[in-house]
Amino acid sequence: MKKILWFILFSIFFCIFCKFSFSKKEIDYKKIKPDYGDALVIGTIADASVLVPMIATDAMSHEVSSNIFLGVVKYNPELKIVGDLAEKYKISPDQKTITFYLKKGVKWSDGKEVTAEDVYFGYRLITNPEIPSPYASDFLEVKKFEILDKYTFRVTYKRPFAPALSSWGNLVVLPKHLLEGKSLSYLTNVFGRKPIGNGPFKLEKWKPQEEIVLKYNPLFYKGRPYLNYLIYKIIPDPSTLFMELRSGGIDWISLTPLQYLKLEREKNLRKEFKIYKYPSFSFTYIGYNLKHPLFKDKKVRKALCYAINRKEIVKGALLGQGIPAYGPYKPDTWFYNKAVEKFCPYNPKKALKLLYEAGFKKNKKGILEKKGKPFEFTLLVNQGNLSRLLAAQIIQRELSKIGIKVKIRVVEWTTLIHQFIDTRRFEAVILGWVTGPDPDLYDIFHSSKIKPPGLNFVGYSNSKVDKLLDQGRYTLDQKKRKKIYYKLQEILAKDQPYTFLYIPMSLEAIHKRFQGIKPSAIGIGYNIEEWWVPKNMQKYLIP
């Protein structure tokens, strides 16, 4: 009996010793050589629409495409523009000409070499009026495109153009040998469903509304990525998406604020997943159809701005994981105008005053009406975005207090874009825009972008804004540009083509077995070809 007791005590002390000793020795992955293999399963609520960057208008299409196509240049982690396909570039003293020197030996995934001819082909395509690209305006500024040799090309602009260099991202480089002479329908429906790219991954299969599978590109010029696959699982319901994360079926999701709090509280999940949290380059807003009788009047839009409590939305819809938005820019950017925060504070009394001035009166039931018609409208929200739905419900409650009836309609993402936004058949909608390190918003607010496929789908037209957007593009001095965009923000705050709601935090949960993730000002997915999983932790043992 004593021997058994001593054995038990020895075992307990031995386990405690082992736990104490080995907990001190955490694995230093920096000293381990990265391994090849495994798959990163990414959960998303929305499918892509077309995998051709120059004609894609949704974020999911651009996210997937960014792993298939390289650009001539790109932003690095410090938000500086560096070469991607380009080995280097030179800008002329007068700022009108850029000469790009492409890297040699970069190949399309079918084995054909990438050359200046492919860039020129893409440039001609995006500037073709028959191609429905909302991004053409940047390239229409080019006066002359010259191919100097197989790996060198020169672009000369009509005048100095601030977004000139950054515009040569992954929008224009397409395989000439596969697409020359093909129709728009082929580009969209054939190549756009099964593209041949030059990036770290290539499309393996695409099951609409189910999954998109990318496999490593063995011909990638930097060498094949460490991961074998990127698998995008499309699950429109955020709750189901989170359950998949919990069960181990998904490695990476963008958390809703509620999911973020749940994950923070669950010790077992926290052991498996790491959360990356940072302010996103984006903003969420209510976009109004400015051709609708209710929203033509600037006083009405201004009143709605006063009637909506942004801080309450950040608190209630985002659970504090965001920043109230008073314009389209993040507060930590050099072009943010803090003064716009005072233009439209929460003030329901002022909202009512403006609505009375606009000709509305309250009836016996307390509903605002004008010429016998009640003030009511339908607010569209995309399926699967809980934060936007909660924001819509808060807005519905806030506006009901002053006599406005809001109906909320939840619509599946691709249906929302194609059947409502693209056709301009909506009254109001909650959406978001992804922004970037440059303040140019020409494609969103310039009146020339009202007609489809332009991104100014609300129909906003202001000659002063058009002039400022033009000036901002042709002014290279940062101090002068700052003044231009300060003024632009002030006019947008007065006109309220959108009610700016919030800037969400990016809340990314990624399984801890993935190494090589380097958070930066640009986010975390920019170097995904360098992510890897140690052999003994690999989950998907597929070739």
Protein backbone atom coordinates (compact mmCIF):
# COMPACT_ATOMS: atom_id res chain seq x y z
CA MET A 1 0.00 0.00 0.00
CA LYS A 2 2.86 2.36 0.90
CA LYS A 3 4.57 1.57 -2.41
CA ILE A 4 1.40 2.47 -4.31
CA LEU A 5 1.05 5.73 -2.34
CA TRP A 6 4.65 6.68 -2.99
CA PHE A 7 4.21 5.87 -6.70
CA ILE A 8 1.15 8.14 -6.90
CA LEU A 9 2.93 11.02 -5.12
CA PHE A 10 6.00 10.60 -7.33
CA SER A 11 3.81 10.68 -10.45
CA ILE A 12 2.09 13.88 -9.32
CA PHE A 13 5.37 15.64 -8.53
CA PHE A 14 6.87 14.44 -11.82
CA CYS A 15 3.92 15.84 -13.79
CA ILE A 16 4.13 19.16 -11.97
CA PHE A 17 7.87 19.31 -12.65
CA CYS A 18 7.36 18.51 -16.33
CA LYS A 19 4.66 21.10 -16.71
CA PHE A 20 6.78 23.76 -15.00
CA SER A 21 9.89 22.88 -16.98
CA PHE A 22 8.40 22.61 -20.44
CA SER A 23 6.01 25.58 -20.11
CA LYS A 24 9.07 27.74 -19.84
CA LYS A 25 10.38 26.49 -23.19
CA GLU A 26 8.09 27.91 -25.81
CA ILE A 27 8.99 27.05 -29.40
CA ASP A 28 10.84 29.82 -31.18
CA TYR A 29 9.46 29.52 -34.70
CA LYS A 30 11.89 32.14 -35.98
CA LYS A 31 14.66 29.56 -35.61
CA ILE A 32 12.72 26.84 -37.42
CA LYS A 33 12.88 26.47 -41.19
CA PRO A 34 9.37 26.92 -42.68
CA ASP A 35 7.64 23.76 -43.88
CA TYR A 36 5.55 23.22 -47.01
CA GLY A 37 2.03 21.85 -46.82
CA ASP A 38 -1.38 22.30 -45.21
CA ALA A 39 -4.30 24.51 -46.24
CA LEU A 40 -5.68 27.77 -44.89
CA VAL A 41 -9.48 27.60 -44.72
CA ILE A 42 -10.97 31.09 -44.77
CA GLY A 43 -14.60 31.64 -43.81
CA THR A 44 -16.55 34.36 -45.62
CA ILE A 45 -20.21 35.41 -45.79
CA ALA A 46 -20.06 36.44 -49.46
CA ASP A 47 -19.05 34.81 -52.72
CA ALA A 48 -16.93 36.51 -55.36
CA SER A 49 -18.64 37.72 -58.54
CA VAL A 50 -15.87 37.74 -61.17
CA LEU A 51 -12.12 37.13 -60.86
CA VAL A 52 -10.98 39.89 -63.18
CA PRO A 53 -9.89 42.87 -61.03
CA MET A 54 -10.58 45.57 -63.64
CA ILE A 55 -14.30 44.73 -63.80
CA ALA A 56 -14.90 43.47 -60.24
CA THR A 57 -16.72 45.90 -57.95
CA ASP A 58 -17.02 43.79 -54.77
CA ALA A 59 -14.43 43.31 -52.04
CA MET A 60 -14.52 39.49 -52.11
CA SER A 61 -13.64 39.35 -55.81
CA HIS A 62 -10.68 41.67 -55.22
CA GLU A 63 -9.53 39.69 -52.18
CA VAL A 64 -9.44 36.40 -54.07
CA SER A 65 -7.97 38.02 -57.19
CA SER A 66 -5.15 39.57 -55.16
CA ASN A 67 -3.79 36.07 -54.60
CA ILE A 68 -4.04 35.19 -58.30
CA PHE A 69 -2.81 38.37 -60.01
CA LEU A 70 0.19 40.59 -59.36
CA GLY A 71 0.28 44.28 -60.16
CA VAL A 72 3.08 46.35 -61.59
CA VAL A 73 3.44 47.97 -58.15
CA LYS A 74 1.96 47.49 -54.68
CA TYR A 75 1.89 49.05 -51.21
CA ASN A 76 4.42 47.59 -48.79
CA PRO A 77 3.75 47.12 -45.03
CA GLU A 78 4.88 50.71 -44.37
CA LEU A 79 2.35 52.01 -46.95
CA LYS A 80 5.08 52.93 -49.43
CA ILE A 81 4.70 52.09 -53.12
CA VAL A 82 7.21 49.47 -54.25
CA GLY A 83 7.62 47.29 -57.31
CA ASP A 84 5.65 44.07 -57.66
CA LEU A 85 6.06 42.88 -61.24
CA ALA A 86 8.31 45.89 -61.65
CA GLU A 87 11.94 45.53 -60.61
CA LYS A 88 12.15 49.30 -60.42
CA TYR A 89 10.61 52.46 -61.83
CA LYS A 90 11.74 56.01 -62.61
CA ILE A 91 9.66 59.17 -62.49
CA SER A 92 10.65 62.12 -64.69
CA PRO A 93 11.47 65.50 -63.10
CA ASP A 94 8.26 67.02 -64.47
CA GLN A 95 6.25 64.19 -62.81
CA LYS A 96 4.49 63.36 -66.08
CA THR A 97 6.38 60.24 -67.16
CA ILE A 98 6.97 56.93 -65.39
CA THR A 99 9.26 54.27 -66.81
CA PHE A 100 8.72 50.74 -65.45
CA TYR A 101 11.33 47.98 -65.65
CA LEU A 102 9.68 44.57 -65.28
CA LYS A 103 11.29 41.59 -63.59
CA LYS A 104 12.46 38.94 -66.02
CA GLY A 105 11.28 35.36 -65.77
CA VAL A 106 7.89 36.03 -64.16
CA LYS A 107 5.39 33.59 -65.67
CA TRP A 108 1.67 33.16 -66.04
CA SER A 109 0.48 29.95 -64.39
CA ASP A 110 0.28 28.32 -67.85
CA GLY A 111 4.05 28.83 -68.33
CA LYS A 112 4.02 31.86 -70.65
CA GLU A 113 6.31 34.73 -69.60
CA VAL A 114 4.82 38.03 -68.39
CA THR A 115 5.99 40.93 -70.56
CA ALA A 116 5.28 44.58 -71.22
CA GLU A 117 2.86 43.41 -73.93
CA ASP A 118 0.57 42.02 -71.20
CA VAL A 119 0.55 45.36 -69.39
CA TYR A 120 -0.20 47.21 -72.62
CA PHE A 121 -2.97 44.74 -73.48
CA GLY A 122 -4.57 45.27 -70.06
CA TYR A 123 -4.20 49.04 -70.39
CA ARG A 124 -5.97 49.01 -73.78
CA LEU A 125 -8.69 46.79 -72.34
CA ILE A 126 -9.46 48.94 -69.28
CA THR A 127 -9.57 52.11 -71.41
CA ASN A 128 -11.89 50.49 -73.96
CA PRO A 129 -15.31 52.15 -73.54
CA GLU A 130 -16.97 48.79 -74.22
CA ILE A 131 -15.39 47.29 -71.10
CA PRO A 132 -17.54 48.07 -68.02
CA SER A 133 -14.70 49.05 -65.70
CA PRO A 134 -15.35 51.56 -62.92
CA TYR A 135 -11.59 52.14 -62.63
CA ALA A 136 -10.90 53.37 -66.17
CA SER A 137 -10.57 57.06 -65.27
CA ASP A 138 -7.08 56.60 -63.77
CA PHE A 139 -5.79 55.15 -67.05
CA LEU A 140 -7.59 57.61 -69.29
CA GLU A 141 -5.15 60.18 -67.88
CA VAL A 142 -2.35 58.48 -69.81
CA LYS A 143 -1.44 60.42 -72.93
CA LYS A 144 0.98 57.86 -74.35
CA PHE A 145 1.94 54.26 -73.60
CA GLU A 146 5.26 53.10 -75.08
CA ILE A 147 6.76 49.62 -75.05
CA LEU A 148 10.55 50.20 -75.02
CA ASP A 149 11.46 46.52 -75.00
CA LYS A 150 10.10 43.19 -73.78
CA TYR A 151 10.48 44.15 -70.11
CA THR A 152 10.28 47.95 -70.20
CA PHE A 153 7.40 50.33 -70.79
CA ARG A 154 6.86 54.04 -70.35
CA VAL A 155 3.64 55.93 -69.63
CA THR A 156 3.33 59.67 -70.18
CA TYR A 157 0.48 61.55 -68.56
CA LYS A 158 -1.35 64.59 -69.88
CA ARG A 159 -0.35 66.41 -66.72
CA PRO A 160 1.04 65.51 -63.28
CA PHE A 161 -1.37 62.99 -61.74
CA ALA A 162 -1.16 62.20 -58.01
CA PRO A 163 -2.55 58.59 -58.13
CA ALA A 164 -0.48 57.77 -61.23
CA LEU A 165 1.99 55.41 -59.60
CA SER A 166 -0.44 53.67 -57.24
CA SER A 167 -2.92 53.03 -60.05
CA TRP A 168 -0.57 50.46 -61.62
CA GLY A 169 -1.60 47.81 -59.11
CA ASN A 170 -3.23 44.55 -60.15
CA LEU A 171 -6.02 46.12 -62.22
CA VAL A 172 -4.41 46.05 -65.66
CA VAL A 173 -1.99 43.14 -66.16
CA LEU A 174 -3.76 40.38 -68.12
CA PRO A 175 -2.46 37.54 -70.37
CA LYS A 176 -2.54 38.86 -73.91
CA HIS A 177 -1.90 35.41 -75.41
CA LEU A 178 -5.15 34.12 -73.91
CA LEU A 179 -7.47 37.11 -74.22
CA GLU A 180 -6.54 38.95 -77.40
CA GLY A 181 -9.49 38.96 -79.78
CA LYS A 182 -11.87 37.59 -77.14
CA SER A 183 -15.25 39.17 -76.39
CA LEU A 184 -16.38 40.93 -73.21
CA SER A 185 -18.62 37.93 -72.54
CA TYR A 186 -15.57 35.65 -72.69
CA LEU A 187 -13.63 37.91 -70.33
CA THR A 188 -16.47 37.95 -67.81
CA ASN A 189 -18.05 34.53 -68.08
CA VAL A 190 -15.16 32.29 -69.13
CA PHE A 191 -11.85 33.84 -68.07
CA GLY A 192 -13.56 35.58 -65.13
CA ARG A 193 -14.69 32.18 -63.82
CA LYS A 194 -11.40 30.38 -64.44
CA PRO A 195 -8.57 32.92 -64.70
CA ILE A 196 -4.92 32.30 -65.50
CA GLY A 197 -2.85 34.52 -63.23
CA ASN A 198 0.75 35.26 -62.30
CA GLY A 199 0.48 35.38 -58.50
CA PRO A 200 1.32 32.96 -55.70
CA PHE A 201 -1.87 30.90 -56.13
CA LYS A 202 -4.03 29.70 -59.00
CA LEU A 203 -7.70 28.80 -59.15
CA GLU A 204 -8.31 25.09 -58.60
CA LYS A 205 -12.12 25.10 -58.44
CA TRP A 206 -15.06 27.38 -57.75
CA LYS A 207 -18.44 26.15 -56.55
CA PRO A 208 -20.69 29.24 -56.49
CA GLN A 209 -22.07 30.03 -53.03
CA GLU A 210 -20.05 27.12 -51.57
CA GLU A 211 -16.29 27.44 -51.90
CA ILE A 212 -13.39 28.84 -53.89
CA VAL A 213 -10.22 26.74 -53.84
CA LEU A 214 -6.84 28.20 -54.75
CA LYS A 215 -3.81 25.94 -55.11
CA TYR A 216 -0.18 27.01 -54.87
CA ASN A 217 1.31 28.19 -58.14
CA PRO A 218 4.50 26.14 -58.74
CA LEU A 219 5.64 28.74 -61.30
CA PHE A 220 5.40 31.71 -58.93
CA TYR A 221 8.56 33.72 -59.49
CA LYS A 222 9.44 33.94 -55.78
CA GLY A 223 9.12 30.18 -55.42
CA ARG A 224 6.00 28.26 -54.52
CA PRO A 225 4.11 29.43 -51.40
CA TYR A 226 4.49 27.30 -48.29
CA LEU A 227 0.76 26.58 -48.06
CA ASN A 228 -0.72 24.10 -50.51
CA TYR A 229 -4.18 25.65 -50.62
CA LEU A 230 -6.27 28.68 -49.75
CA ILE A 231 -9.86 27.52 -49.37
CA TYR A 232 -12.61 30.13 -49.12
CA LYS A 233 -15.72 28.64 -47.54
CA ILE A 234 -18.83 30.69 -48.27
CA ILE A 235 -21.26 30.60 -45.35
CA PRO A 236 -23.74 33.51 -45.43
CA ASP A 237 -24.83 33.07 -41.79
CA PRO A 238 -22.28 34.49 -39.31
CA SER A 239 -23.46 32.19 -36.50
CA THR A 240 -22.86 29.09 -38.62
CA LEU A 241 -19.51 30.56 -39.66
CA PHE A 242 -18.48 30.94 -36.01
CA MET A 243 -19.65 27.39 -35.22
CA GLU A 244 -17.41 26.15 -38.03
CA LEU A 245 -14.50 28.03 -36.47
CA ARG A 246 -15.25 26.43 -33.12
CA SER A 247 -15.48 22.93 -34.57
CA GLY A 248 -12.18 23.30 -36.42
CA GLY A 249 -13.63 23.49 -39.91
CA ILE A 250 -12.33 27.03 -40.51
CA ASP A 251 -8.95 28.59 -39.74
CA TRP A 252 -9.61 32.29 -40.33
CA ILE A 253 -12.67 34.51 -40.10
CA SER A 254 -13.33 38.18 -39.69
CA LEU A 255 -15.15 38.27 -36.38
CA THR A 256 -18.28 40.24 -35.66
CA PRO A 257 -17.95 42.30 -32.45
CA LEU A 258 -20.15 39.78 -30.60
CA GLN A 259 -18.02 36.87 -31.81
CA TYR A 260 -14.92 38.77 -30.75
CA LEU A 261 -16.23 39.06 -27.18
CA LYS A 262 -17.23 35.38 -27.15
CA LEU A 263 -13.81 34.29 -28.33
CA GLU A 264 -12.13 36.51 -25.75
CA ARG A 265 -14.13 34.81 -22.98
CA GLU A 266 -13.61 31.21 -24.09
CA LYS A 267 -10.27 29.93 -22.85
CA ASN A 268 -10.20 26.88 -25.12
CA LEU A 269 -10.76 28.99 -28.23
CA ARG A 270 -8.20 31.56 -27.14
CA LYS A 271 -5.63 28.79 -26.88
CA GLU A 272 -6.22 27.84 -30.50
CA PHE A 273 -6.77 31.21 -32.17
CA LYS A 274 -4.94 34.50 -32.19
CA ILE A 275 -6.90 37.72 -32.69
CA TYR A 276 -5.47 40.53 -34.82
CA LYS A 277 -7.22 43.82 -34.09
CA TYR A 278 -6.67 47.13 -35.91
CA PRO A 279 -8.72 50.02 -37.41
CA SER A 280 -9.66 49.07 -40.94
CA PHE A 281 -9.15 51.17 -44.06
CA SER A 282 -12.92 51.33 -44.61
CA PHE A 283 -16.11 53.09 -43.60
CA THR A 284 -19.77 52.07 -43.32
CA TYR A 285 -22.54 54.42 -44.38
CA ILE A 286 -26.17 54.85 -45.42
CA GLY A 287 -26.30 55.60 -49.12
CA TYR A 288 -29.42 57.42 -50.35
CA ASN A 289 -30.86 57.27 -53.83
CA LEU A 290 -30.67 60.98 -54.54
CA LYS A 291 -33.21 60.70 -57.36
CA HIS A 292 -35.86 59.56 -54.86
CA PRO A 293 -38.27 62.39 -53.90
CA LEU A 294 -37.52 61.99 -50.19
CA PHE A 295 -33.76 62.37 -50.52
CA LYS A 296 -33.39 65.06 -53.16
CA ASP A 297 -33.58 67.77 -50.50
CA LYS A 298 -30.27 68.39 -48.72
CA LYS A 299 -32.17 69.52 -45.60
CA VAL A 300 -33.77 66.09 -45.32
CA ARG A 301 -30.43 64.29 -45.56
CA LYS A 302 -28.92 66.68 -43.04
CA ALA A 303 -31.86 66.06 -40.71
CA LEU A 304 -31.29 62.31 -40.92
CA CYS A 305 -27.68 62.88 -39.99
CA TYR A 306 -28.71 64.83 -36.87
CA ALA A 307 -31.29 62.19 -35.95
CA ILE A 308 -28.88 59.23 -36.00
CA ASN A 309 -26.68 58.62 -32.98
CA ARG A 310 -23.36 57.30 -34.29
CA LYS A 311 -21.93 56.71 -30.84
CA GLU A 312 -24.96 54.58 -29.96
CA ILE A 313 -24.43 52.56 -33.14
CA VAL A 314 -20.75 51.96 -32.31
CA LYS A 315 -21.76 50.95 -28.79
CA GLY A 316 -24.80 48.83 -29.70
CA ALA A 317 -24.02 47.42 -33.15
CA LEU A 318 -20.22 47.14 -32.83
CA LEU A 319 -20.06 46.61 -29.05
CA GLY A 320 -17.46 49.38 -28.99
CA GLN A 321 -15.27 47.82 -31.70
CA GLY A 322 -15.23 50.80 -34.02
CA ILE A 323 -15.04 54.57 -34.37
CA PRO A 324 -17.91 56.96 -35.25
CA ALA A 325 -17.48 58.18 -38.83
CA TYR A 326 -18.09 61.78 -39.83
CA GLY A 327 -16.62 61.39 -43.29
CA PRO A 328 -14.89 58.81 -45.48
CA TYR A 329 -11.44 58.83 -43.86
CA LYS A 330 -9.80 57.21 -40.85
CA PRO A 331 -8.85 59.71 -38.09
CA ASP A 332 -5.20 58.58 -38.10
CA THR A 333 -4.53 59.56 -41.73
CA TRP A 334 -2.73 62.75 -42.79
CA PHE A 335 -5.74 63.92 -44.83
CA TYR A 336 -8.39 63.60 -42.07
CA ASN A 337 -10.23 66.82 -41.21
CA LYS A 338 -11.19 66.66 -37.53
CA ALA A 339 -13.37 69.76 -37.92
CA VAL A 340 -16.08 67.75 -39.71
CA GLU A 341 -16.91 66.03 -36.42
CA LYS A 342 -18.71 69.24 -35.38
CA PHE A 343 -20.81 69.54 -38.53
CA CYS A 344 -23.50 67.03 -37.66
CA PRO A 345 -23.64 66.00 -33.97
CA TYR A 346 -26.55 63.96 -32.64
CA ASN A 347 -29.41 66.42 -32.19
CA PRO A 348 -33.00 65.10 -32.77
CA LYS A 349 -34.53 68.54 -32.10
CA LYS A 350 -32.44 70.13 -34.83
CA ALA A 351 -33.39 67.22 -37.12
CA LEU A 352 -37.09 67.95 -36.62
CA LYS A 353 -36.57 71.66 -37.18
CA LEU A 354 -34.92 70.97 -40.55
CA LEU A 355 -37.70 68.57 -41.55
CA TYR A 356 -40.35 71.17 -40.71
CA GLU A 357 -38.43 73.66 -42.86
CA ALA A 358 -38.44 71.06 -45.65
CA GLY A 359 -42.26 71.00 -45.54
CA PHE A 360 -42.95 68.00 -43.31
CA LYS A 361 -45.56 68.05 -40.55
CA LYS A 362 -46.60 65.52 -37.95
CA ASN A 363 -50.04 63.97 -38.29
CA LYS A 364 -52.27 62.87 -35.39
CA LYS A 365 -50.35 59.59 -35.09
CA GLY A 366 -47.05 61.46 -34.75
CA ILE A 367 -45.84 60.41 -38.19
CA LEU A 368 -44.10 62.96 -40.37
CA GLU A 369 -45.79 63.54 -43.69
CA LYS A 370 -45.63 65.91 -46.64
CA LYS A 371 -48.58 66.55 -48.95
CA GLY A 372 -50.38 63.64 -47.33
CA LYS A 373 -47.53 61.16 -47.90
CA PRO A 374 -45.85 59.70 -44.79
CA PHE A 375 -42.09 59.83 -44.45
CA GLU A 376 -41.21 56.16 -44.80
CA PHE A 377 -38.56 54.27 -46.73
CA THR A 378 -36.94 50.84 -47.05
CA LEU A 379 -33.37 50.41 -45.82
CA LEU A 380 -31.50 47.54 -47.49
CA VAL A 381 -28.90 45.51 -45.59
CA ASN A 382 -26.82 42.61 -46.91
CA GLN A 383 -27.38 39.16 -45.47
CA GLY A 384 -24.76 37.89 -43.06
CA ASN A 385 -23.54 41.24 -41.73
CA LEU A 386 -24.88 41.34 -38.18
CA SER A 387 -23.28 44.69 -37.35
CA ARG A 388 -25.05 46.38 -40.25
CA LEU A 389 -28.35 44.74 -39.34
CA LEU A 390 -28.02 45.91 -35.72
CA ALA A 391 -27.08 49.38 -36.96
CA ALA A 392 -30.21 49.38 -39.16
CA GLN A 393 -32.35 48.45 -36.16
CA ILE A 394 -30.85 51.26 -34.07
CA ILE A 395 -31.43 53.70 -36.95
CA GLN A 396 -35.01 52.42 -37.29
CA ARG A 397 -35.60 53.09 -33.59
CA GLU A 398 -33.93 56.51 -33.61
CA LEU A 399 -35.86 57.73 -36.65
CA SER A 400 -39.17 56.44 -35.31
CA LYS A 401 -38.72 58.82 -32.38
CA ILE A 402 -39.07 61.81 -34.71
CA GLY A 403 -41.85 60.31 -36.81
CA ILE A 404 -40.03 58.50 -39.64
CA LYS A 405 -40.92 54.91 -40.47
CA VAL A 406 -38.07 52.70 -41.66
CA LYS A 407 -38.59 49.22 -43.10
CA ILE A 408 -35.53 46.96 -43.00
CA ARG A 409 -35.00 44.47 -45.80
CA VAL A 410 -32.18 41.91 -45.67
CA VAL A 411 -30.91 40.80 -49.10
CA GLU A 412 -28.35 38.20 -50.16
CA TRP A 413 -25.10 39.93 -51.20
CA THR A 414 -24.90 39.21 -54.93
CA THR A 415 -28.63 39.92 -55.31
CA LEU A 416 -28.20 43.23 -53.49
CA ILE A 417 -25.37 44.31 -55.78
CA HIS A 418 -26.72 43.12 -59.12
CA GLN A 419 -30.46 43.62 -58.71
CA PHE A 420 -30.57 46.75 -56.55
CA ILE A 421 -27.29 48.71 -56.57
CA ASP A 422 -26.21 48.16 -60.19
CA THR A 423 -29.74 48.91 -61.42
CA ARG A 424 -30.19 51.86 -58.99
CA ARG A 425 -33.45 50.32 -57.71
CA PHE A 426 -33.26 51.24 -54.03
CA GLU A 427 -34.26 53.97 -51.60
CA ALA A 428 -31.51 53.65 -48.98
CA VAL A 429 -28.88 51.04 -48.26
CA ILE A 430 -26.22 50.35 -45.63
CA LEU A 431 -22.93 49.51 -47.31
CA GLY A 432 -19.22 50.05 -46.82
CA TRP A 433 -16.26 51.15 -48.90
CA VAL A 434 -12.69 49.93 -48.55
CA THR A 435 -10.38 52.94 -48.73
CA GLY A 436 -6.59 53.15 -48.81
CA PRO A 437 -3.47 55.18 -48.06
CA ASP A 438 -4.33 57.73 -50.78
CA PRO A 439 -7.29 60.12 -50.25
CA ASP A 440 -8.54 60.01 -53.86
CA LEU A 441 -12.32 59.34 -53.91
CA TYR A 442 -12.93 60.24 -57.54
CA ASP A 443 -14.63 56.95 -58.41
CA ILE A 444 -17.11 57.24 -55.54
CA PHE A 445 -18.19 60.88 -55.55
CA HIS A 446 -17.43 62.39 -58.97
CA SER A 447 -20.55 63.07 -61.05
CA SER A 448 -18.99 61.37 -64.10
CA LYS A 449 -19.29 58.09 -62.17
CA ILE A 450 -23.08 58.19 -61.75
CA LYS A 451 -23.87 56.16 -64.84
CA PRO A 452 -23.39 52.36 -64.45
CA PRO A 453 -20.91 50.75 -63.97
CA GLY A 454 -19.72 53.84 -62.05
CA LEU A 455 -19.47 53.54 -58.28
CA ASN A 456 -21.40 56.78 -57.62
CA PHE A 457 -24.61 54.75 -57.52
CA VAL A 458 -26.38 57.23 -55.20
CA GLY A 459 -26.31 59.82 -58.01
CA TYR A 460 -24.41 62.54 -56.15
CA SER A 461 -23.55 65.59 -58.24
CA ASN A 462 -21.84 68.73 -56.97
CA SER A 463 -19.68 70.87 -59.29
CA LYS A 464 -17.52 72.06 -56.37
CA VAL A 465 -16.86 68.48 -55.31
CA ASP A 466 -16.03 67.53 -58.91
CA LYS A 467 -13.55 70.40 -59.07
CA LEU A 468 -11.91 69.43 -55.76
CA LEU A 469 -11.66 65.78 -56.80
CA ASP A 470 -10.00 66.86 -60.04
CA GLN A 471 -7.61 69.21 -58.22
CA GLY A 472 -6.72 66.51 -55.70
CA ARG A 473 -5.70 64.18 -58.52
CA TYR A 474 -3.51 66.78 -60.25
CA THR A 475 -1.84 68.24 -57.17
CA LEU A 476 1.36 66.52 -56.05
CA ASP A 477 2.31 68.73 -53.11
CA GLN A 478 0.99 67.00 -49.98
CA LYS A 479 0.26 70.23 -48.09
CA LYS A 480 -1.84 71.52 -50.98
CA ARG A 481 -3.57 68.17 -51.37
CA LYS A 482 -4.37 68.22 -47.66
CA LYS A 483 -6.21 71.52 -48.03
CA ILE A 484 -8.15 70.17 -51.00
CA TYR A 485 -9.34 67.06 -49.15
CA TYR A 486 -10.10 69.05 -46.00
CA LYS A 487 -12.46 71.17 -48.08
CA LEU A 488 -13.93 68.10 -49.76
CA GLN A 489 -14.81 66.58 -46.38
CA GLU A 490 -16.53 69.79 -45.30
CA ILE A 491 -18.75 69.85 -48.40
CA LEU A 492 -19.63 66.17 -47.99
CA ALA A 493 -20.55 66.86 -44.36
CA LYS A 494 -22.88 69.65 -45.49
CA ASP A 495 -24.41 67.81 -48.46
CA GLN A 496 -24.73 64.40 -46.75
CA PRO A 497 -25.00 62.20 -49.88
CA TYR A 498 -24.22 59.49 -47.36
CA THR A 499 -24.86 59.38 -43.64
CA PHE A 500 -21.42 58.27 -42.49
CA LEU A 501 -21.87 55.77 -39.66
CA TYR A 502 -18.67 54.13 -38.45
CA ILE A 503 -15.16 52.89 -39.16
CA PRO A 504 -15.11 49.25 -37.99
CA MET A 505 -12.20 47.55 -36.32
CA SER A 506 -10.76 44.62 -38.23
CA LEU A 507 -11.11 41.66 -35.88
CA GLU A 508 -9.33 38.71 -37.47
CA ALA A 509 -9.22 35.31 -35.75
CA ILE A 510 -6.54 33.00 -37.20
CA HIS A 511 -5.52 29.58 -35.95
CA LYS A 512 -2.23 29.69 -34.07
CA ARG A 513 -0.64 26.92 -36.12
CA PHE A 514 -0.06 29.45 -38.92
CA GLN A 515 3.33 31.13 -38.74
CA GLY A 516 4.83 34.03 -40.72
CA ILE A 517 1.96 36.45 -40.07
CA LYS A 518 3.34 39.99 -39.77
CA PRO A 519 0.72 42.61 -38.83
CA SER A 520 1.41 46.03 -40.31
CA ALA A 521 -0.25 49.30 -41.26
CA ILE A 522 -1.58 47.65 -44.42
CA GLY A 523 -3.16 44.71 -42.56
CA ILE A 524 -2.17 41.05 -42.29
CA GLY A 525 -2.90 39.25 -45.58
CA TYR A 526 -0.34 41.04 -47.76
CA ASN A 527 2.33 38.30 -47.34
CA ILE A 528 0.11 35.21 -47.33
CA GLU A 529 2.52 33.35 -49.61
CA GLU A 530 4.99 33.40 -46.68
CA TRP A 531 2.59 31.87 -44.13
CA TRP A 532 3.45 28.32 -43.09
CA VAL A 533 2.59 25.54 -40.67
CA PRO A 534 5.11 23.32 -38.81
CA LYS A 535 5.01 19.72 -40.10
CA ASN A 536 3.86 18.28 -36.76
CA MET A 537 0.92 20.73 -36.65
CA GLN A 538 -0.29 20.34 -40.22
CA LYS A 539 -3.95 19.45 -40.46
CA TYR A 540 -4.67 18.97 -44.15
CA LEU A 541 -2.15 16.43 -45.42
CA ILE A 542 -2.94 16.92 -49.10
CA PRO A 543 -0.36 17.38 -51.89
